Each structure stands twice: as C-alpha cells, then as structure tokens.
Amino acid sequence: TGNPNGNGLPQWDKLDSANPKTMVIDVNSQLTPVTNTARYILLESFYN
C-alpha cells in the first residue's frame, strides 16, 4: 500500500522534519521522538 501501518501493529507516523519520530523496532516496538538530529547536522558539515 505504500504505508507500513496495519491492524495489530504500533502506529508508525510518516517522518515530519519539524517533529521527527522514528519507529524503534524491537521486542516492544514503538514510535519514538528523535533527539540526536544535531549530530547528523554536524556530520553534514564535513561532507561536500
């Protein structure tokens, strides 16, 4: 369908750059707010 969601699965929202969340897939999977974006922005400054 182009959408991973379905009955019986934790809700997985699409990525919103203003409020990014990631689906952590583990024994108890859950959608989790992203807290480390700053480190990727830093790395981005090192690459042309």
ModelCIF file with pLDDT and N, C-alpha, C, O atoms, coordinates in Angstrom:
data_MODEL
#
_entry.id   MODEL 
#
_entity.id                         1 
_entity.type                       polymer 
_entity.pdbx_number_of_molecules   1 
#
_entity_poly.entity_id                      1 
_entity_poly.type                           'polypeptide(L)' 
_entity_poly.nstd_linkage                   no 
_entity_poly.nstd_monomer                   no 
_entity_poly.pdbx_seq_one_letter_code       TGNPNGNGLPQWDKLDSANPKTMVIDVNSQLTPVTNTARYILLESFYN 
_entity_poly.pdbx_seq_one_letter_code_can   TGNPNGNGLPQWDKLDSANPKTMVIDVNSQLTPVTNTARYILLESFYN 
_entity_poly.pdbx_strand_id                 A 
#
loop_
_entity_poly_seq.entity_id 
_entity_poly_seq.num 
_entity_poly_seq.mon_id 
_entity_poly_seq.hetero 
1 1  THR n 
1 2  GLY n 
1 3  ASN n 
1 4  PRO n 
1 5  ASN n 
1 6  GLY n 
1 7  ASN n 
1 8  GLY n 
1 9  LEU n 
1 10 PRO n 
1 11 GLN n 
1 12 TRP n 
1 13 ASP n 
1 14 LYS n 
1 15 LEU n 
1 16 ASP n 
1 17 SER n 
1 18 ALA n 
1 19 ASN n 
1 20 PRO n 
1 21 LYS n 
1 22 THR n 
1 23 MET n 
1 24 VAL n 
1 25 ILE n 
1 26 ASP n 
1 27 VAL n 
1 28 ASN n 
1 29 SER n 
1 30 GLN n 
1 31 LEU n 
1 32 THR n 
1 33 PRO n 
1 34 VAL n 
1 35 THR n 
1 36 ASN n 
1 37 THR n 
1 38 ALA n 
1 39 ARG n 
1 40 TYR n 
1 41 ILE n 
1 42 LEU n 
1 43 LEU n 
1 44 GLU n 
1 45 SER n 
1 46 PHE n 
1 47 TYR n 
1 48 ASN n 
#
_struct_asym.id          A 
_struct_asym.entity_id   1 
#
loop_
_ma_qa_metric.id 
_ma_qa_metric.mode 
_ma_qa_metric.name 
_ma_qa_metric.software_group_id 
_ma_qa_metric.type 
1 global pLDDT . pLDDT 
2 local  pLDDT . pLDDT 
#
_ma_qa_metric_global.metric_id      1 
_ma_qa_metric_global.metric_value   95.25 
_ma_qa_metric_global.model_id       1 
_ma_qa_metric_global.ordinal_id     1 
#
loop_
_ma_qa_metric_local.label_asym_id 
_ma_qa_metric_local.label_comp_id 
_ma_qa_metric_local.label_seq_id 
_ma_qa_metric_local.metric_id 
_ma_qa_metric_local.metric_value 
_ma_qa_metric_local.model_id 
_ma_qa_metric_local.ordinal_id 
A THR 1  2 98.00 1 1  
A GLY 2  2 98.00 1 2  
A ASN 3  2 98.00 1 3  
A PRO 4  2 98.00 1 4  
A ASN 5  2 98.00 1 5  
A GLY 6  2 96.00 1 6  
A ASN 7  2 92.00 1 7  
A GLY 8  2 92.00 1 8  
A LEU 9  2 98.00 1 9  
A PRO 10 2 98.00 1 10 
A GLN 11 2 98.00 1 11 
A TRP 12 2 98.00 1 12 
A ASP 13 2 98.00 1 13 
A LYS 14 2 98.00 1 14 
A LEU 15 2 97.00 1 15 
A ASP 16 2 95.00 1 16 
A SER 17 2 88.00 1 17 
A ALA 18 2 90.00 1 18 
A ASN 19 2 93.00 1 19 
A PRO 20 2 96.00 1 20 
A LYS 21 2 97.00 1 21 
A THR 22 2 98.00 1 22 
A MET 23 2 98.00 1 23 
A VAL 24 2 98.00 1 24 
A ILE 25 2 98.00 1 25 
A ASP 26 2 98.00 1 26 
A VAL 27 2 98.00 1 27 
A ASN 28 2 97.00 1 28 
A SER 29 2 98.00 1 29 
A GLN 30 2 98.00 1 30 
A LEU 31 2 98.00 1 31 
A THR 32 2 98.00 1 32 
A PRO 33 2 97.00 1 33 
A VAL 34 2 96.00 1 34 
A THR 35 2 93.00 1 35 
A ASN 36 2 94.00 1 36 
A THR 37 2 96.00 1 37 
A ALA 38 2 95.00 1 38 
A ARG 39 2 96.00 1 39 
A TYR 40 2 97.00 1 40 
A ILE 41 2 96.00 1 41 
A LEU 42 2 97.00 1 42 
A LEU 43 2 97.00 1 43 
A GLU 44 2 95.00 1 44 
A SER 45 2 94.00 1 45 
A PHE 46 2 92.00 1 46 
A TYR 47 2 85.00 1 47 
A ASN 48 2 61.00 1 48 
#
loop_
_atom_site.group_PDB 
_atom_site.id 
_atom_site.type_symbol 
_atom_site.label_atom_id 
_atom_site.label_alt_id 
_atom_site.label_comp_id 
_atom_site.label_asym_id 
_atom_site.label_entity_id 
_atom_site.label_seq_id 
_atom_site.pdbx_PDB_ins_code 
_atom_site.Cartn_x 
_atom_site.Cartn_y 
_atom_site.Cartn_z 
_atom_site.occupancy 
_atom_site.B_iso_or_equiv 
_atom_site.pdbx_formal_charge 
_atom_site.auth_seq_id 
_atom_site.auth_comp_id 
_atom_site.auth_asym_id 
_atom_site.auth_atom_id 
_atom_site.pdbx_PDB_model_num 
ATOM 1   N N  . THR A 1 1  ? 0.789  -1.236 0.000  1.00 98.00 ? 1  THR A N  1 
ATOM 2   C CA . THR A 1 1  ? 0.000  0.000  0.000  1.00 98.00 ? 1  THR A CA 1 
ATOM 3   C C  . THR A 1 1  ? 0.819  1.283  0.000  1.00 98.00 ? 1  THR A C  1 
ATOM 4   O O  . THR A 1 1  ? 0.265  2.361  -0.215 1.00 98.00 ? 1  THR A O  1 
ATOM 5   N N  . GLY A 1 2  ? 2.143  1.190  0.240  1.00 98.00 ? 2  GLY A N  1 
ATOM 6   C CA . GLY A 1 2  ? 2.941  2.398  0.406  1.00 98.00 ? 2  GLY A CA 1 
ATOM 7   C C  . GLY A 1 2  ? 2.877  2.953  1.808  1.00 98.00 ? 2  GLY A C  1 
ATOM 8   O O  . GLY A 1 2  ? 3.381  4.043  2.078  1.00 98.00 ? 2  GLY A O  1 
ATOM 9   N N  . ASN A 1 3  ? 2.247  2.192  2.716  1.00 98.00 ? 3  ASN A N  1 
ATOM 10  C CA . ASN A 1 3  ? 2.093  2.597  4.118  1.00 98.00 ? 3  ASN A CA 1 
ATOM 11  C C  . ASN A 1 3  ? 2.316  1.359  4.980  1.00 98.00 ? 3  ASN A C  1 
ATOM 12  O O  . ASN A 1 3  ? 1.653  0.346  4.756  1.00 98.00 ? 3  ASN A O  1 
ATOM 13  N N  . PRO A 1 4  ? 3.225  1.401  5.961  1.00 98.00 ? 4  PRO A N  1 
ATOM 14  C CA . PRO A 1 4  ? 3.527  0.194  6.744  1.00 98.00 ? 4  PRO A CA 1 
ATOM 15  C C  . PRO A 1 4  ? 2.473  -0.166 7.778  1.00 98.00 ? 4  PRO A C  1 
ATOM 16  O O  . PRO A 1 4  ? 2.510  -1.269 8.323  1.00 98.00 ? 4  PRO A O  1 
ATOM 17  N N  . ASN A 1 5  ? 1.541  0.721  8.063  1.00 98.00 ? 5  ASN A N  1 
ATOM 18  C CA . ASN A 1 5  ? 0.600  0.507  9.155  1.00 98.00 ? 5  ASN A CA 1 
ATOM 19  C C  . ASN A 1 5  ? -0.434 -0.559 8.830  1.00 98.00 ? 5  ASN A C  1 
ATOM 20  O O  . ASN A 1 5  ? -0.772 -0.798 7.670  1.00 98.00 ? 5  ASN A O  1 
ATOM 21  N N  . GLY A 1 6  ? -0.923 -1.193 9.889  1.00 96.00 ? 6  GLY A N  1 
ATOM 22  C CA . GLY A 1 6  ? -1.951 -2.214 9.744  1.00 96.00 ? 6  GLY A CA 1 
ATOM 23  C C  . GLY A 1 6  ? -2.436 -2.665 11.101 1.00 96.00 ? 6  GLY A C  1 
ATOM 24  O O  . GLY A 1 6  ? -1.869 -2.294 12.128 1.00 96.00 ? 6  GLY A O  1 
ATOM 25  N N  . ASN A 1 7  ? -3.479 -3.460 11.106 1.00 92.00 ? 7  ASN A N  1 
ATOM 26  C CA . ASN A 1 7  ? -4.080 -3.913 12.359 1.00 92.00 ? 7  ASN A CA 1 
ATOM 27  C C  . ASN A 1 7  ? -3.064 -4.684 13.200 1.00 92.00 ? 7  ASN A C  1 
ATOM 28  O O  . ASN A 1 7  ? -2.315 -5.517 12.689 1.00 92.00 ? 7  ASN A O  1 
ATOM 29  N N  . GLY A 1 8  ? -3.054 -4.386 14.513 1.00 92.00 ? 8  GLY A N  1 
ATOM 30  C CA . GLY A 1 8  ? -2.205 -5.118 15.431 1.00 92.00 ? 8  GLY A CA 1 
ATOM 31  C C  . GLY A 1 8  ? -0.792 -4.601 15.541 1.00 92.00 ? 8  GLY A C  1 
ATOM 32  O O  . GLY A 1 8  ? -0.007 -5.128 16.329 1.00 92.00 ? 8  GLY A O  1 
ATOM 33  N N  . LEU A 1 9  ? -0.439 -3.575 14.767 1.00 98.00 ? 9  LEU A N  1 
ATOM 34  C CA . LEU A 1 9  ? 0.910  -3.024 14.791 1.00 98.00 ? 9  LEU A CA 1 
ATOM 35  C C  . LEU A 1 9  ? 0.917  -1.654 15.457 1.00 98.00 ? 9  LEU A C  1 
ATOM 36  O O  . LEU A 1 9  ? -0.050 -0.904 15.324 1.00 98.00 ? 9  LEU A O  1 
ATOM 37  N N  . PRO A 1 10 ? 1.984  -1.314 16.168 1.00 98.00 ? 10 PRO A N  1 
ATOM 38  C CA . PRO A 1 10 ? 2.100  0.056  16.691 1.00 98.00 ? 10 PRO A CA 1 
ATOM 39  C C  . PRO A 1 10 ? 2.022  1.071  15.555 1.00 98.00 ? 10 PRO A C  1 
ATOM 40  O O  . PRO A 1 10 ? 2.587  0.856  14.483 1.00 98.00 ? 10 PRO A O  1 
ATOM 41  N N  . GLN A 1 11 ? 1.330  2.164  15.792 1.00 98.00 ? 11 GLN A N  1 
ATOM 42  C CA . GLN A 1 11 ? 1.160  3.193  14.769 1.00 98.00 ? 11 GLN A CA 1 
ATOM 43  C C  . GLN A 1 11 ? 2.498  3.794  14.374 1.00 98.00 ? 11 GLN A C  1 
ATOM 44  O O  . GLN A 1 11 ? 3.293  4.173  15.234 1.00 98.00 ? 11 GLN A O  1 
ATOM 45  N N  . TRP A 1 12 ? 2.747  3.884  13.069 1.00 98.00 ? 12 TRP A N  1 
ATOM 46  C CA . TRP A 1 12 ? 4.005  4.410  12.533 1.00 98.00 ? 12 TRP A CA 1 
ATOM 47  C C  . TRP A 1 12 ? 3.689  5.645  11.703 1.00 98.00 ? 12 TRP A C  1 
ATOM 48  O O  . TRP A 1 12 ? 3.196  5.532  10.580 1.00 98.00 ? 12 TRP A O  1 
ATOM 49  N N  . ASP A 1 13 ? 3.967  6.813  12.246 1.00 98.00 ? 13 ASP A N  1 
ATOM 50  C CA . ASP A 1 13 ? 3.682  8.063  11.542 1.00 98.00 ? 13 ASP A CA 1 
ATOM 51  C C  . ASP A 1 13 ? 4.770  8.352  10.511 1.00 98.00 ? 13 ASP A C  1 
ATOM 52  O O  . ASP A 1 13 ? 5.926  7.968  10.692 1.00 98.00 ? 13 ASP A O  1 
ATOM 53  N N  . LYS A 1 14 ? 4.398  9.018  9.450  1.00 98.00 ? 14 LYS A N  1 
ATOM 54  C CA . LYS A 1 14 ? 5.390  9.432  8.464  1.00 98.00 ? 14 LYS A CA 1 
ATOM 55  C C  . LYS A 1 14 ? 6.317  10.477 9.063  1.00 98.00 ? 14 LYS A C  1 
ATOM 56  O O  . LYS A 1 14 ? 5.962  11.161 10.022 1.00 98.00 ? 14 LYS A O  1 
ATOM 57  N N  . LEU A 1 15 ? 7.495  10.591 8.496  1.00 97.00 ? 15 LEU A N  1 
ATOM 58  C CA . LEU A 1 15 ? 8.514  11.489 9.024  1.00 97.00 ? 15 LEU A CA 1 
ATOM 59  C C  . LEU A 1 15 ? 8.099  12.943 8.834  1.00 97.00 ? 15 LEU A C  1 
ATOM 60  O O  . LEU A 1 15 ? 7.725  13.361 7.739  1.00 97.00 ? 15 LEU A O  1 
ATOM 61  N N  . ASP A 1 16 ? 8.173  13.692 9.908  1.00 95.00 ? 16 ASP A N  1 
ATOM 62  C CA . ASP A 1 16 ? 7.877  15.122 9.902  1.00 95.00 ? 16 ASP A CA 1 
ATOM 63  C C  . ASP A 1 16 ? 9.140  15.837 10.379 1.00 95.00 ? 16 ASP A C  1 
ATOM 64  O O  . ASP A 1 16 ? 9.533  15.702 11.538 1.00 95.00 ? 16 ASP A O  1 
ATOM 65  N N  . SER A 1 17 ? 9.773  16.594 9.489  1.00 88.00 ? 17 SER A N  1 
ATOM 66  C CA . SER A 1 17 ? 11.047 17.228 9.837  1.00 88.00 ? 17 SER A CA 1 
ATOM 67  C C  . SER A 1 17 ? 10.917 18.201 10.995 1.00 88.00 ? 17 SER A C  1 
ATOM 68  O O  . SER A 1 17 ? 11.893 18.459 11.698 1.00 88.00 ? 17 SER A O  1 
ATOM 69  N N  . ALA A 1 18 ? 9.733  18.740 11.200 1.00 90.00 ? 18 ALA A N  1 
ATOM 70  C CA . ALA A 1 18 ? 9.530  19.676 12.311 1.00 90.00 ? 18 ALA A CA 1 
ATOM 71  C C  . ALA A 1 18 ? 9.415  18.947 13.653 1.00 90.00 ? 18 ALA A C  1 
ATOM 72  O O  . ALA A 1 18 ? 9.704  19.515 14.706 1.00 90.00 ? 18 ALA A O  1 
ATOM 73  N N  . ASN A 1 19 ? 8.993  17.696 13.599 1.00 93.00 ? 19 ASN A N  1 
ATOM 74  C CA . ASN A 1 19 ? 8.843  16.892 14.820 1.00 93.00 ? 19 ASN A CA 1 
ATOM 75  C C  . ASN A 1 19 ? 9.171  15.437 14.482 1.00 93.00 ? 19 ASN A C  1 
ATOM 76  O O  . ASN A 1 19 ? 8.288  14.578 14.499 1.00 93.00 ? 19 ASN A O  1 
ATOM 77  N N  . PRO A 1 20 ? 10.444 15.162 14.176 1.00 96.00 ? 20 PRO A N  1 
ATOM 78  C CA . PRO A 1 20 ? 10.794 13.834 13.656 1.00 96.00 ? 20 PRO A CA 1 
ATOM 79  C C  . PRO A 1 20 ? 10.635 12.722 14.689 1.00 96.00 ? 20 PRO A C  1 
ATOM 80  O O  . PRO A 1 20 ? 11.014 12.867 15.851 1.00 96.00 ? 20 PRO A O  1 
ATOM 81  N N  . LYS A 1 21 ? 10.067 11.614 14.233 1.00 97.00 ? 21 LYS A N  1 
ATOM 82  C CA . LYS A 1 21 ? 9.921  10.427 15.073 1.00 97.00 ? 21 LYS A CA 1 
ATOM 83  C C  . LYS A 1 21 ? 10.385 9.204  14.280 1.00 97.00 ? 21 LYS A C  1 
ATOM 84  O O  . LYS A 1 21 ? 10.264 9.147  13.056 1.00 97.00 ? 21 LYS A O  1 
ATOM 85  N N  . THR A 1 22 ? 10.910 8.249  15.005 1.00 98.00 ? 22 THR A N  1 
ATOM 86  C CA . THR A 1 22 ? 11.440 7.032  14.402 1.00 98.00 ? 22 THR A CA 1 
ATOM 87  C C  . THR A 1 22 ? 10.765 5.821  15.025 1.00 98.00 ? 22 THR A C  1 
ATOM 88  O O  . THR A 1 22 ? 10.564 5.777  16.239 1.00 98.00 ? 22 THR A O  1 
ATOM 89  N N  . MET A 1 23 ? 10.415 4.839  14.202 1.00 98.00 ? 23 MET A N  1 
ATOM 90  C CA . MET A 1 23 ? 9.886  3.592  14.733 1.00 98.00 ? 23 MET A CA 1 
ATOM 91  C C  . MET A 1 23 ? 11.051 2.737  15.210 1.00 98.00 ? 23 MET A C  1 
ATOM 92  O O  . MET A 1 23 ? 11.841 2.257  14.398 1.00 98.00 ? 23 MET A O  1 
ATOM 93  N N  . VAL A 1 24 ? 11.163 2.544  16.517 1.00 98.00 ? 24 VAL A N  1 
ATOM 94  C CA . VAL A 1 24 ? 12.188 1.671  17.087 1.00 98.00 ? 24 VAL A CA 1 
ATOM 95  C C  . VAL A 1 24 ? 11.637 0.249  17.054 1.00 98.00 ? 24 VAL A C  1 
ATOM 96  O O  . VAL A 1 24 ? 10.669 -0.073 17.743 1.00 98.00 ? 24 VAL A O  1 
ATOM 97  N N  . ILE A 1 25 ? 12.270 -0.595 16.243 1.00 98.00 ? 25 ILE A N  1 
ATOM 98  C CA . ILE A 1 25 ? 11.798 -1.967 16.070 1.00 98.00 ? 25 ILE A CA 1 
ATOM 99  C C  . ILE A 1 25 ? 12.574 -2.877 17.007 1.00 98.00 ? 25 ILE A C  1 
ATOM 100 O O  . ILE A 1 25 ? 13.783 -3.061 16.867 1.00 98.00 ? 25 ILE A O  1 
ATOM 101 N N  . ASP A 1 26 ? 11.845 -3.445 17.972 1.00 98.00 ? 26 ASP A N  1 
ATOM 102 C CA . ASP A 1 26 ? 12.435 -4.318 18.977 1.00 98.00 ? 26 ASP A CA 1 
ATOM 103 C C  . ASP A 1 26 ? 11.315 -5.206 19.513 1.00 98.00 ? 26 ASP A C  1 
ATOM 104 O O  . ASP A 1 26 ? 10.240 -5.280 18.918 1.00 98.00 ? 26 ASP A O  1 
ATOM 105 N N  . VAL A 1 27 ? 11.561 -5.868 20.618 1.00 98.00 ? 27 VAL A N  1 
ATOM 106 C CA . VAL A 1 27 ? 10.537 -6.761 21.178 1.00 98.00 ? 27 VAL A CA 1 
ATOM 107 C C  . VAL A 1 27 ? 9.248  -5.987 21.428 1.00 98.00 ? 27 VAL A C  1 
ATOM 108 O O  . VAL A 1 27 ? 8.156  -6.487 21.163 1.00 98.00 ? 27 VAL A O  1 
ATOM 109 N N  . ASN A 1 28 ? 9.377  -4.782 21.932 1.00 97.00 ? 28 ASN A N  1 
ATOM 110 C CA . ASN A 1 28 ? 8.224  -3.889 22.090 1.00 97.00 ? 28 ASN A CA 1 
ATOM 111 C C  . ASN A 1 28 ? 8.470  -2.662 21.221 1.00 97.00 ? 28 ASN A C  1 
ATOM 112 O O  . ASN A 1 28 ? 9.026  -1.666 21.682 1.00 97.00 ? 28 ASN A O  1 
ATOM 113 N N  . SER A 1 29 ? 8.055  -2.741 19.973 1.00 98.00 ? 29 SER A N  1 
ATOM 114 C CA . SER A 1 29 ? 8.307  -1.668 19.019 1.00 98.00 ? 29 SER A CA 1 
ATOM 115 C C  . SER A 1 29 ? 7.458  -0.452 19.352 1.00 98.00 ? 29 SER A C  1 
ATOM 116 O O  . SER A 1 29 ? 6.308  -0.578 19.773 1.00 98.00 ? 29 SER A O  1 
ATOM 117 N N  . GLN A 1 30 ? 8.044  0.735  19.159 1.00 98.00 ? 30 GLN A N  1 
ATOM 118 C CA . GLN A 1 30 ? 7.298  1.958  19.464 1.00 98.00 ? 30 GLN A CA 1 
ATOM 119 C C  . GLN A 1 30 ? 7.861  3.135  18.683 1.00 98.00 ? 30 GLN A C  1 
ATOM 120 O O  . GLN A 1 30 ? 9.050  3.187  18.367 1.00 98.00 ? 30 GLN A O  1 
ATOM 121 N N  . LEU A 1 31 ? 6.980  4.075  18.382 1.00 98.00 ? 31 LEU A N  1 
ATOM 122 C CA . LEU A 1 31 ? 7.376  5.310  17.708 1.00 98.00 ? 31 LEU A CA 1 
ATOM 123 C C  . LEU A 1 31 ? 7.989  6.243  18.748 1.00 98.00 ? 31 LEU A C  1 
ATOM 124 O O  . LEU A 1 31 ? 7.372  6.523  19.775 1.00 98.00 ? 31 LEU A O  1 
ATOM 125 N N  . THR A 1 32 ? 9.209  6.727  18.480 1.00 98.00 ? 32 THR A N  1 
ATOM 126 C CA . THR A 1 32 ? 9.979  7.462  19.471 1.00 98.00 ? 32 THR A CA 1 
ATOM 127 C C  . THR A 1 32 ? 10.451 8.791  18.903 1.00 98.00 ? 32 THR A C  1 
ATOM 128 O O  . THR A 1 32 ? 10.924 8.833  17.768 1.00 98.00 ? 32 THR A O  1 
ATOM 129 N N  . PRO A 1 33 ? 10.335 9.878  19.660 1.00 97.00 ? 33 PRO A N  1 
ATOM 130 C CA . PRO A 1 33 ? 10.853 11.173 19.190 1.00 97.00 ? 33 PRO A CA 1 
ATOM 131 C C  . PRO A 1 33 ? 12.366 11.104 18.966 1.00 97.00 ? 33 PRO A C  1 
ATOM 132 O O  . PRO A 1 33 ? 13.080 10.440 19.717 1.00 97.00 ? 33 PRO A O  1 
ATOM 133 N N  . VAL A 1 34 ? 12.841 11.787 17.941 1.00 96.00 ? 34 VAL A N  1 
ATOM 134 C CA . VAL A 1 34 ? 14.265 11.833 17.619 1.00 96.00 ? 34 VAL A CA 1 
ATOM 135 C C  . VAL A 1 34 ? 14.924 12.933 18.436 1.00 96.00 ? 34 VAL A C  1 
ATOM 136 O O  . VAL A 1 34 ? 14.433 14.062 18.471 1.00 96.00 ? 34 VAL A O  1 
ATOM 137 N N  . THR A 1 35 ? 16.039 12.608 19.098 1.00 93.00 ? 35 THR A N  1 
ATOM 138 C CA . THR A 1 35 ? 16.713 13.592 19.944 1.00 93.00 ? 35 THR A CA 1 
ATOM 139 C C  . THR A 1 35 ? 18.149 13.871 19.513 1.00 93.00 ? 35 THR A C  1 
ATOM 140 O O  . THR A 1 35 ? 18.837 14.679 20.137 1.00 93.00 ? 35 THR A O  1 
ATOM 141 N N  . ASN A 1 36 ? 18.605 13.207 18.452 1.00 94.00 ? 36 ASN A N  1 
ATOM 142 C CA . ASN A 1 36 ? 20.023 13.335 18.085 1.00 94.00 ? 36 ASN A CA 1 
ATOM 143 C C  . ASN A 1 36 ? 20.246 13.918 16.690 1.00 94.00 ? 36 ASN A C  1 
ATOM 144 O O  . ASN A 1 36 ? 21.285 13.677 16.075 1.00 94.00 ? 36 ASN A O  1 
ATOM 145 N N  . THR A 1 37 ? 19.280 14.678 16.194 1.00 96.00 ? 37 THR A N  1 
ATOM 146 C CA . THR A 1 37 ? 19.432 15.256 14.857 1.00 96.00 ? 37 THR A CA 1 
ATOM 147 C C  . THR A 1 37 ? 20.658 16.152 14.753 1.00 96.00 ? 37 THR A C  1 
ATOM 148 O O  . THR A 1 37 ? 21.276 16.245 13.692 1.00 96.00 ? 37 THR A O  1 
ATOM 149 N N  . ALA A 1 38 ? 21.008 16.806 15.842 1.00 95.00 ? 38 ALA A N  1 
ATOM 150 C CA . ALA A 1 38 ? 22.133 17.745 15.817 1.00 95.00 ? 38 ALA A CA 1 
ATOM 151 C C  . ALA A 1 38 ? 23.430 17.068 15.392 1.00 95.00 ? 38 ALA A C  1 
ATOM 152 O O  . ALA A 1 38 ? 24.277 17.696 14.757 1.00 95.00 ? 38 ALA A O  1 
ATOM 153 N N  . ARG A 1 39 ? 23.594 15.793 15.737 1.00 96.00 ? 39 ARG A N  1 
ATOM 154 C CA . ARG A 1 39 ? 24.858 15.145 15.372 1.00 96.00 ? 39 ARG A CA 1 
ATOM 155 C C  . ARG A 1 39 ? 24.931 14.871 13.870 1.00 96.00 ? 39 ARG A C  1 
ATOM 156 O O  . ARG A 1 39 ? 26.020 14.853 13.296 1.00 96.00 ? 39 ARG A O  1 
ATOM 157 N N  . TYR A 1 40 ? 23.794 14.659 13.239 1.00 97.00 ? 40 TYR A N  1 
ATOM 158 C CA . TYR A 1 40 ? 23.805 14.464 11.787 1.00 97.00 ? 40 TYR A CA 1 
ATOM 159 C C  . TYR A 1 40 ? 24.039 15.783 11.055 1.00 97.00 ? 40 TYR A C  1 
ATOM 160 O O  . TYR A 1 40 ? 24.705 15.825 10.022 1.00 97.00 ? 40 TYR A O  1 
ATOM 161 N N  . ILE A 1 41 ? 23.488 16.841 11.600 1.00 96.00 ? 41 ILE A N  1 
ATOM 162 C CA . ILE A 1 41 ? 23.736 18.158 11.008 1.00 96.00 ? 41 ILE A CA 1 
ATOM 163 C C  . ILE A 1 41 ? 25.220 18.509 11.116 1.00 96.00 ? 41 ILE A C  1 
ATOM 164 O O  . ILE A 1 41 ? 25.790 19.104 10.202 1.00 96.00 ? 41 ILE A O  1 
ATOM 165 N N  . LEU A 1 42 ? 25.841 18.139 12.233 1.00 97.00 ? 42 LEU A N  1 
ATOM 166 C CA . LEU A 1 42 ? 27.273 18.364 12.387 1.00 97.00 ? 42 LEU A CA 1 
ATOM 167 C C  . LEU A 1 42 ? 28.054 17.555 11.357 1.00 97.00 ? 42 LEU A C  1 
ATOM 168 O O  . LEU A 1 42 ? 28.940 18.091 10.691 1.00 97.00 ? 42 LEU A O  1 
ATOM 169 N N  . LEU A 1 43 ? 27.735 16.271 11.219 1.00 97.00 ? 43 LEU A N  1 
ATOM 170 C CA . LEU A 1 43 ? 28.442 15.439 10.241 1.00 97.00 ? 43 LEU A CA 1 
ATOM 171 C C  . LEU A 1 43 ? 28.250 15.966 8.827  1.00 97.00 ? 43 LEU A C  1 
ATOM 172 O O  . LEU A 1 43 ? 29.162 15.902 8.003  1.00 97.00 ? 43 LEU A O  1 
ATOM 173 N N  . GLU A 1 44 ? 27.076 16.478 8.555  1.00 95.00 ? 44 GLU A N  1 
ATOM 174 C CA . GLU A 1 44 ? 26.801 17.001 7.222  1.00 95.00 ? 44 GLU A CA 1 
ATOM 175 C C  . GLU A 1 44 ? 27.764 18.124 6.861  1.00 95.00 ? 44 GLU A C  1 
ATOM 176 O O  . GLU A 1 44 ? 28.099 18.301 5.689  1.00 95.00 ? 44 GLU A O  1 
ATOM 177 N N  . SER A 1 45 ? 28.211 18.879 7.851  1.00 94.00 ? 45 SER A N  1 
ATOM 178 C CA . SER A 1 45 ? 29.136 19.986 7.580  1.00 94.00 ? 45 SER A CA 1 
ATOM 179 C C  . SER A 1 45 ? 30.512 19.496 7.143  1.00 94.00 ? 45 SER A C  1 
ATOM 180 O O  . SER A 1 45 ? 31.306 20.274 6.615  1.00 94.00 ? 45 SER A O  1 
ATOM 181 N N  . PHE A 1 46 ? 30.803 18.198 7.359  1.00 92.00 ? 46 PHE A N  1 
ATOM 182 C CA . PHE A 1 46 ? 32.108 17.647 6.982  1.00 92.00 ? 46 PHE A CA 1 
ATOM 183 C C  . PHE A 1 46 ? 32.138 17.085 5.561  1.00 92.00 ? 46 PHE A C  1 
ATOM 184 O O  . PHE A 1 46 ? 33.206 16.782 5.027  1.00 92.00 ? 46 PHE A O  1 
ATOM 185 N N  . TYR A 1 47 ? 30.960 16.949 4.956  1.00 85.00 ? 47 TYR A N  1 
ATOM 186 C CA . TYR A 1 47 ? 30.892 16.326 3.632  1.00 85.00 ? 47 TYR A CA 1 
ATOM 187 C C  . TYR A 1 47 ? 30.482 17.353 2.585  1.00 85.00 ? 47 TYR A C  1 
ATOM 188 O O  . TYR A 1 47 ? 29.572 18.154 2.799  1.00 85.00 ? 47 TYR A O  1 
ATOM 189 N N  . ASN A 1 48 ? 31.162 17.315 1.466  1.00 61.00 ? 48 ASN A N  1 
ATOM 190 C CA . ASN A 1 48 ? 30.809 18.214 0.368  1.00 61.00 ? 48 ASN A CA 1 
ATOM 191 C C  . ASN A 1 48 ? 29.538 17.739 -0.305 1.00 61.00 ? 48 ASN A C  1 
ATOM 192 O O  . ASN A 1 48 ? 29.074 18.366 -1.258 1.00 61.00 ? 48 ASN A O  1 
#
